[in-house]
Amino acid sequence: MRTKKKNAAAYPAQIIDAVGTITGLLAGSAYHALLPNGKSTVAYMQRKTAQLVGTLQIGDKVSLSIDPSDFDCARITARLSK
């Protein structure tokens, strides 16, 4: 007998939006980013922002989305103007 999975939309996750600064480059589309509170996180690119992979440099400001259950990784949602 199959059990129904709970609807993920019924429990929306709280997402934290923050501004971070790129402090290092990792392999592929991952970067080290510094949050405003001084903590460091690994920031990954989204598919819709994949065109920024070659353009991001150390020191660039980016918009980040962070899951409150895991502050060690974040998503890069946009590059902010300098």
N, C-alpha and C. Protein backbone atom coordinates (compact mmCIF):
# COMPACT_ATOMS: atom_id res chain seq x y z
N MET A 1 0.84 -1.17 0.00
CA MET A 1 0.00 0.00 0.00
C MET A 1 0.88 1.24 0.00
N ARG A 2 0.58 2.17 -0.87
CA ARG A 2 1.37 3.38 -0.99
C ARG A 2 0.82 4.45 -0.05
N THR A 3 1.72 5.16 0.52
CA THR A 3 1.31 6.28 1.37
C THR A 3 1.52 7.57 0.60
N LYS A 4 0.68 8.53 0.86
CA LYS A 4 0.80 9.81 0.19
C LYS A 4 1.88 10.65 0.85
N LYS A 5 2.64 11.32 0.02
CA LYS A 5 3.65 12.24 0.55
C LYS A 5 2.96 13.55 0.94
N LYS A 6 3.50 14.18 1.94
CA LYS A 6 2.95 15.46 2.34
C LYS A 6 3.27 16.49 1.26
N ASN A 7 2.36 17.38 1.05
CA ASN A 7 2.53 18.41 0.06
C ASN A 7 3.57 19.41 0.55
N ALA A 8 4.65 19.58 -0.21
CA ALA A 8 5.71 20.49 0.18
C ALA A 8 5.22 21.93 0.20
N ALA A 9 4.24 22.26 -0.62
CA ALA A 9 3.72 23.62 -0.66
C ALA A 9 2.94 23.97 0.61
N ALA A 10 2.51 22.98 1.33
CA ALA A 10 1.76 23.23 2.56
C ALA A 10 2.67 23.72 3.68
N TYR A 11 3.96 23.47 3.55
CA TYR A 11 4.93 23.90 4.56
C TYR A 11 6.01 24.75 3.89
N PRO A 12 5.71 26.00 3.58
CA PRO A 12 6.70 26.82 2.87
C PRO A 12 7.90 27.11 3.75
N ALA A 13 9.06 27.02 3.16
CA ALA A 13 10.30 27.29 3.89
C ALA A 13 10.51 28.79 4.02
N GLN A 14 11.04 29.19 5.12
CA GLN A 14 11.40 30.58 5.31
C GLN A 14 12.78 30.79 4.70
N ILE A 15 12.88 31.68 3.75
CA ILE A 15 14.15 31.95 3.08
C ILE A 15 14.65 33.31 3.54
N ILE A 16 15.95 33.38 3.82
CA ILE A 16 16.56 34.63 4.24
C ILE A 16 17.26 35.24 3.03
N ASP A 17 16.94 36.48 2.72
CA ASP A 17 17.62 37.19 1.65
C ASP A 17 18.70 38.06 2.26
N ALA A 18 19.90 38.00 1.69
CA ALA A 18 21.04 38.76 2.22
C ALA A 18 21.92 39.23 1.07
N VAL A 19 22.79 40.15 1.39
CA VAL A 19 23.79 40.61 0.44
C VAL A 19 25.13 40.09 0.91
N GLY A 20 25.89 39.49 0.01
CA GLY A 20 27.19 38.95 0.35
C GLY A 20 28.27 39.46 -0.58
N THR A 21 29.51 39.26 -0.18
CA THR A 21 30.66 39.65 -0.99
C THR A 21 31.45 38.40 -1.35
N ILE A 22 31.77 38.23 -2.63
CA ILE A 22 32.54 37.08 -3.08
C ILE A 22 33.96 37.22 -2.55
N THR A 23 34.43 36.19 -1.84
CA THR A 23 35.78 36.22 -1.28
C THR A 23 36.69 35.16 -1.88
N GLY A 24 36.15 34.22 -2.62
CA GLY A 24 36.97 33.18 -3.22
C GLY A 24 36.21 32.40 -4.26
N LEU A 25 36.93 31.78 -5.17
CA LEU A 25 36.33 30.98 -6.24
C LEU A 25 36.57 29.51 -5.95
N LEU A 26 35.56 28.70 -6.15
CA LEU A 26 35.66 27.25 -6.04
C LEU A 26 35.44 26.65 -7.42
N ALA A 27 35.51 25.36 -7.54
CA ALA A 27 35.32 24.69 -8.82
C ALA A 27 33.87 24.84 -9.30
N GLY A 28 33.72 24.93 -10.61
CA GLY A 28 32.39 25.01 -11.18
C GLY A 28 31.71 26.34 -10.91
N SER A 29 30.51 26.28 -10.41
CA SER A 29 29.73 27.49 -10.17
C SER A 29 29.55 27.76 -8.68
N ALA A 30 30.58 27.50 -7.90
CA ALA A 30 30.53 27.71 -6.45
C ALA A 30 31.56 28.76 -6.05
N TYR A 31 31.22 29.55 -5.04
CA TYR A 31 32.06 30.64 -4.57
C TYR A 31 32.03 30.69 -3.06
N HIS A 32 33.08 31.23 -2.46
CA HIS A 32 33.05 31.57 -1.05
C HIS A 32 32.46 32.98 -0.96
N ALA A 33 31.53 33.17 -0.04
CA ALA A 33 30.92 34.49 0.12
C ALA A 33 30.94 34.88 1.59
N LEU A 34 31.15 36.16 1.84
CA LEU A 34 31.16 36.70 3.20
C LEU A 34 29.83 37.41 3.44
N LEU A 35 29.14 37.01 4.50
CA LEU A 35 27.86 37.61 4.86
C LEU A 35 28.09 38.90 5.65
N PRO A 36 27.09 39.76 5.76
CA PRO A 36 27.25 41.02 6.50
C PRO A 36 27.60 40.83 7.98
N ASN A 37 27.24 39.70 8.56
CA ASN A 37 27.54 39.46 9.98
C ASN A 37 28.95 38.90 10.19
N GLY A 38 29.74 38.77 9.11
CA GLY A 38 31.11 38.29 9.22
C GLY A 38 31.29 36.80 9.02
N LYS A 39 30.21 36.06 8.87
CA LYS A 39 30.29 34.61 8.65
C LYS A 39 30.55 34.32 7.18
N SER A 40 31.22 33.20 6.91
CA SER A 40 31.51 32.79 5.55
C SER A 40 30.57 31.65 5.15
N THR A 41 30.21 31.59 3.89
CA THR A 41 29.33 30.56 3.38
C THR A 41 29.78 30.18 1.97
N VAL A 42 29.34 29.04 1.50
CA VAL A 42 29.57 28.62 0.13
C VAL A 42 28.33 29.01 -0.67
N ALA A 43 28.53 29.78 -1.72
CA ALA A 43 27.41 30.28 -2.53
C ALA A 43 27.42 29.59 -3.88
N TYR A 44 26.27 29.06 -4.27
CA TYR A 44 26.13 28.34 -5.54
C TYR A 44 25.27 29.15 -6.49
N MET A 45 25.52 28.96 -7.78
CA MET A 45 24.73 29.62 -8.81
C MET A 45 23.43 28.88 -9.06
N GLN A 46 22.39 29.62 -9.39
CA GLN A 46 21.15 29.04 -9.86
C GLN A 46 21.25 28.89 -11.38
N ARG A 47 20.41 28.06 -11.95
CA ARG A 47 20.43 27.91 -13.41
C ARG A 47 20.10 29.21 -14.11
N LYS A 48 19.18 29.99 -13.56
CA LYS A 48 18.80 31.22 -14.24
C LYS A 48 19.87 32.30 -14.16
N THR A 49 20.85 32.14 -13.27
CA THR A 49 21.96 33.09 -13.19
C THR A 49 23.26 32.46 -13.65
N ALA A 50 23.20 31.36 -14.38
CA ALA A 50 24.40 30.66 -14.82
C ALA A 50 25.24 31.50 -15.78
N GLN A 51 24.66 32.49 -16.43
CA GLN A 51 25.42 33.33 -17.35
C GLN A 51 26.42 34.21 -16.60
N LEU A 52 26.31 34.30 -15.27
CA LEU A 52 27.23 35.10 -14.47
C LEU A 52 28.49 34.34 -14.06
N VAL A 53 28.59 33.06 -14.38
CA VAL A 53 29.69 32.23 -13.90
C VAL A 53 31.04 32.83 -14.25
N GLY A 54 31.24 33.28 -15.45
CA GLY A 54 32.53 33.82 -15.85
C GLY A 54 32.73 35.27 -15.47
N THR A 55 31.68 35.94 -15.05
CA THR A 55 31.79 37.38 -14.80
C THR A 55 32.00 37.74 -13.33
N LEU A 56 31.71 36.84 -12.41
CA LEU A 56 31.88 37.16 -10.99
C LEU A 56 33.35 37.14 -10.61
N GLN A 57 33.77 38.16 -9.90
CA GLN A 57 35.14 38.30 -9.45
C GLN A 57 35.16 38.47 -7.94
N ILE A 58 36.32 38.28 -7.35
CA ILE A 58 36.47 38.50 -5.91
C ILE A 58 36.19 39.97 -5.61
N GLY A 59 35.36 40.20 -4.61
CA GLY A 59 34.98 41.55 -4.22
C GLY A 59 33.63 41.98 -4.74
N ASP A 60 33.03 41.22 -5.65
CA ASP A 60 31.71 41.56 -6.18
C ASP A 60 30.64 41.33 -5.13
N LYS A 61 29.63 42.20 -5.11
CA LYS A 61 28.49 42.05 -4.22
C LYS A 61 27.42 41.25 -4.95
N VAL A 62 26.83 40.28 -4.24
CA VAL A 62 25.79 39.44 -4.82
C VAL A 62 24.61 39.34 -3.85
N SER A 63 23.46 39.09 -4.41
CA SER A 63 22.26 38.83 -3.62
C SER A 63 22.19 37.34 -3.35
N LEU A 64 21.94 36.97 -2.09
CA LEU A 64 21.94 35.57 -1.68
C LEU A 64 20.60 35.17 -1.07
N SER A 65 20.21 33.93 -1.28
CA SER A 65 19.07 33.32 -0.60
C SER A 65 19.61 32.20 0.27
N ILE A 66 19.28 32.25 1.57
CA ILE A 66 19.83 31.30 2.52
C ILE A 66 18.70 30.56 3.21
N ASP A 67 18.82 29.24 3.30
CA ASP A 67 17.87 28.42 4.04
C ASP A 67 18.25 28.51 5.52
N PRO A 68 17.32 28.86 6.40
CA PRO A 68 17.65 29.03 7.81
C PRO A 68 18.12 27.75 8.50
N SER A 69 17.86 26.60 7.92
CA SER A 69 18.32 25.36 8.55
C SER A 69 19.76 25.04 8.19
N ASP A 70 20.34 25.73 7.19
CA ASP A 70 21.70 25.46 6.76
C ASP A 70 22.36 26.75 6.30
N PHE A 71 23.08 27.40 7.20
CA PHE A 71 23.74 28.66 6.87
C PHE A 71 25.08 28.43 6.15
N ASP A 72 25.49 27.19 5.98
CA ASP A 72 26.77 26.91 5.35
C ASP A 72 26.72 26.98 3.83
N CYS A 73 25.53 27.00 3.25
CA CYS A 73 25.45 27.16 1.81
C CYS A 73 24.29 28.11 1.47
N ALA A 74 24.47 28.82 0.36
CA ALA A 74 23.48 29.81 -0.07
C ALA A 74 23.38 29.76 -1.58
N ARG A 75 22.35 30.39 -2.12
CA ARG A 75 22.16 30.49 -3.57
C ARG A 75 22.42 31.92 -3.99
N ILE A 76 23.15 32.08 -5.06
CA ILE A 76 23.34 33.41 -5.64
C ILE A 76 22.15 33.67 -6.56
N THR A 77 21.41 34.72 -6.27
CA THR A 77 20.23 35.04 -7.07
C THR A 77 20.48 36.17 -8.06
N ALA A 78 21.45 37.05 -7.77
CA ALA A 78 21.75 38.15 -8.68
C ALA A 78 23.08 38.78 -8.33
N ARG A 79 23.68 39.42 -9.30
CA ARG A 79 24.88 40.22 -9.07
C ARG A 79 24.43 41.66 -8.87
N LEU A 80 24.93 42.30 -7.86
CA LEU A 80 24.55 43.67 -7.57
C LEU A 80 25.58 44.61 -8.20
N SER A 81 25.14 45.82 -8.52
CA SER A 81 26.07 46.77 -9.10
C SER A 81 27.09 47.21 -8.06
N LYS A 82 28.26 47.55 -8.53
CA LYS A 82 29.35 47.91 -7.62
C LYS A 82 29.16 49.25 -7.00
